Amino acid sequence: MEKLKKTGMKQTPQRLAIMHHLEGNKCHPSAEDIYKSISPKFPSMSFATVYNTLENLKDHGLIKELTIESGKKRFDPDTSDHHHLICVKCKKIVDLPQEIQLQQKALTTAGVIKGFRILSTQINIYGLCPECTKTSS
């Protein structure tokens, strides 16, 4: 609720449900995923409400937008700089463990980004998740 208050948006039951769905969510849901999950509790809620709420949260820096799939936005409540593993078959997205995160300082020291001021980092690694690996064997 505190995060929603910071945006200046009204704290409607629908918006609170969207925030609750995102809180600690590691699945990187799309607007469609969130809508499908919470619409049974709010049958009169429109998809536009979910989408507009997500856009407002993104604009206020409370969530990150991931454009990993063409034409489909995913949302990440973890706004820290971190990277992702993405399954090319089922589109599952997993946060890379912290110990293998690429460090900005290492890039700068190596001269890879000389002259650039880094605002944020995100690297996507593509492969097959364990479930898809099993089914494609």
Protein backbone atom coordinates (compact mmCIF):
# COMPACT_ATOMS: atom_id res chain seq x y z
CA MET A 1 0.00 0.00 0.00
CA GLU A 2 2.89 2.36 0.73
CA LYS A 3 4.21 1.95 -2.81
CA LEU A 4 0.80 2.77 -4.26
CA LYS A 5 0.49 5.84 -2.02
CA LYS A 6 3.79 7.16 -3.42
CA THR A 7 2.35 7.20 -6.93
CA GLY A 8 -0.59 9.42 -5.97
CA MET A 9 -2.97 6.86 -7.49
CA LYS A 10 -6.20 6.03 -5.69
CA GLN A 11 -5.99 2.87 -3.62
CA THR A 12 -8.83 0.97 -5.23
CA PRO A 13 -9.37 -2.72 -4.41
CA GLN A 14 -8.37 -3.59 -8.00
CA ARG A 15 -5.08 -1.67 -7.82
CA LEU A 16 -4.31 -3.17 -4.43
CA ALA A 17 -4.93 -6.63 -5.89
CA ILE A 18 -2.51 -5.85 -8.74
CA MET A 19 0.12 -4.71 -6.23
CA HIS A 20 -0.48 -7.80 -4.09
CA HIS A 21 -0.05 -10.02 -7.16
CA LEU A 22 3.27 -8.35 -7.99
CA GLU A 23 4.70 -8.26 -4.47
CA GLY A 24 7.53 -10.79 -4.35
CA ASN A 25 6.42 -12.32 -7.66
CA LYS A 26 9.38 -13.99 -9.40
CA CYS A 27 7.43 -15.15 -12.46
CA HIS A 28 7.74 -11.86 -14.36
CA PRO A 29 4.04 -11.79 -15.30
CA SER A 30 2.54 -10.00 -18.27
CA ALA A 31 -0.45 -7.68 -17.98
CA GLU A 32 -2.54 -10.53 -19.39
CA ASP A 33 -1.25 -12.93 -16.73
CA ILE A 34 -2.13 -10.50 -13.95
CA TYR A 35 -5.55 -9.78 -15.44
CA LYS A 36 -6.37 -13.51 -15.70
CA SER A 37 -5.22 -14.09 -12.15
CA ILE A 38 -7.20 -11.35 -10.43
CA SER A 39 -10.24 -10.83 -12.70
CA PRO A 40 -12.26 -13.67 -11.08
CA LYS A 41 -12.32 -11.58 -7.88
CA PHE A 42 -13.10 -8.40 -9.85
CA PRO A 43 -15.30 -9.38 -12.82
CA SER A 44 -16.12 -5.76 -13.66
CA MET A 45 -12.43 -4.78 -13.85
CA SER A 46 -11.15 -4.10 -17.35
CA PHE A 47 -7.84 -5.15 -18.85
CA ALA A 48 -7.15 -1.42 -19.34
CA THR A 49 -7.19 -0.95 -15.55
CA VAL A 50 -4.45 -3.56 -15.16
CA TYR A 51 -2.39 -2.20 -18.05
CA ASN A 52 -2.71 1.44 -16.95
CA THR A 53 -1.85 0.57 -13.35
CA LEU A 54 1.28 -1.27 -14.51
CA GLU A 55 2.30 1.66 -16.70
CA ASN A 56 1.87 4.06 -13.76
CA LEU A 57 3.89 1.80 -11.46
CA LYS A 58 6.61 1.58 -14.11
CA ASP A 59 6.62 5.35 -14.61
CA HIS A 60 7.13 5.78 -10.85
CA GLY A 61 10.02 3.29 -10.81
CA LEU A 62 8.17 0.75 -8.69
CA ILE A 63 8.37 -2.05 -11.26
CA LYS A 64 10.51 -2.76 -14.31
CA GLU A 65 9.19 -3.54 -17.76
CA LEU A 66 10.87 -6.41 -19.56
CA THR A 67 10.56 -6.61 -23.33
CA ILE A 68 11.89 -10.10 -23.77
CA GLU A 69 9.19 -11.43 -26.08
CA SER A 70 8.24 -9.53 -29.20
CA GLY A 71 4.89 -7.83 -28.66
CA LYS A 72 4.54 -8.91 -25.02
CA LYS A 73 5.64 -6.88 -22.03
CA ARG A 74 6.52 -8.60 -18.79
CA PHE A 75 6.78 -6.86 -15.42
CA ASP A 76 9.30 -7.35 -12.65
CA PRO A 77 8.70 -6.01 -9.13
CA ASP A 78 12.44 -6.35 -8.45
CA THR A 79 13.75 -2.99 -9.63
CA SER A 80 17.39 -3.74 -8.80
CA ASP A 81 19.79 -4.25 -11.69
CA HIS A 82 19.76 -7.98 -12.34
CA HIS A 83 19.83 -10.37 -15.26
CA HIS A 84 17.58 -13.14 -16.52
CA LEU A 85 17.61 -16.68 -17.85
CA ILE A 86 14.87 -17.18 -20.45
CA CYS A 87 13.54 -20.46 -21.79
CA VAL A 88 13.16 -20.20 -25.57
CA LYS A 89 10.44 -22.87 -25.56
CA CYS A 90 8.02 -22.05 -22.72
CA LYS A 91 9.17 -18.40 -22.20
CA LYS A 92 9.78 -18.93 -18.47
CA ILE A 93 11.96 -16.14 -17.03
CA VAL A 94 14.21 -16.73 -14.04
CA ASP A 95 16.39 -14.22 -12.21
CA LEU A 96 20.08 -15.04 -12.40
CA PRO A 97 21.53 -15.82 -8.98
CA GLN A 98 23.21 -12.81 -7.39
CA GLU A 99 26.64 -14.44 -7.28
CA ILE A 100 26.82 -14.58 -11.08
CA GLN A 101 25.49 -11.12 -11.78
CA LEU A 102 27.61 -9.01 -14.10
CA GLN A 103 29.07 -6.17 -12.13
CA GLN A 104 29.14 -2.61 -13.48
CA LYS A 105 32.47 -1.98 -11.75
CA ALA A 106 34.05 -4.95 -13.56
CA LEU A 107 32.90 -3.60 -16.93
CA THR A 108 34.22 -0.15 -16.18
CA THR A 109 37.55 -1.48 -14.92
CA ALA A 110 37.93 -3.65 -18.02
CA GLY A 111 37.39 -0.60 -20.23
CA VAL A 112 34.44 -2.24 -21.95
CA ILE A 113 32.20 0.76 -21.41
CA LYS A 114 34.71 3.59 -21.43
CA GLY A 115 32.93 6.91 -21.82
CA PHE A 116 29.46 5.51 -21.12
CA ARG A 117 27.47 6.41 -18.04
CA ILE A 118 25.52 3.30 -17.08
CA LEU A 119 21.94 3.93 -16.00
CA SER A 120 20.97 0.29 -15.52
CA THR A 121 21.99 -3.15 -16.69
CA GLN A 122 20.09 -6.16 -17.93
CA ILE A 123 21.49 -9.16 -19.69
CA ASN A 124 19.28 -11.96 -20.98
CA ILE A 125 20.62 -15.49 -21.37
CA TYR A 126 18.50 -17.81 -23.51
CA GLY A 127 18.27 -21.59 -23.27
CA LEU A 128 15.94 -24.39 -22.23
CA CYS A 129 14.57 -24.66 -18.70
CA PRO A 130 14.83 -28.05 -16.94
CA GLU A 131 11.21 -28.96 -17.77
CA CYS A 132 11.59 -28.16 -21.48
CA THR A 133 14.95 -29.94 -21.60
CA LYS A 134 13.24 -33.12 -20.33
CA THR A 135 10.44 -32.93 -22.91
CA SER A 136 12.75 -32.26 -25.85
CA SER A 137 15.03 -35.25 -25.14
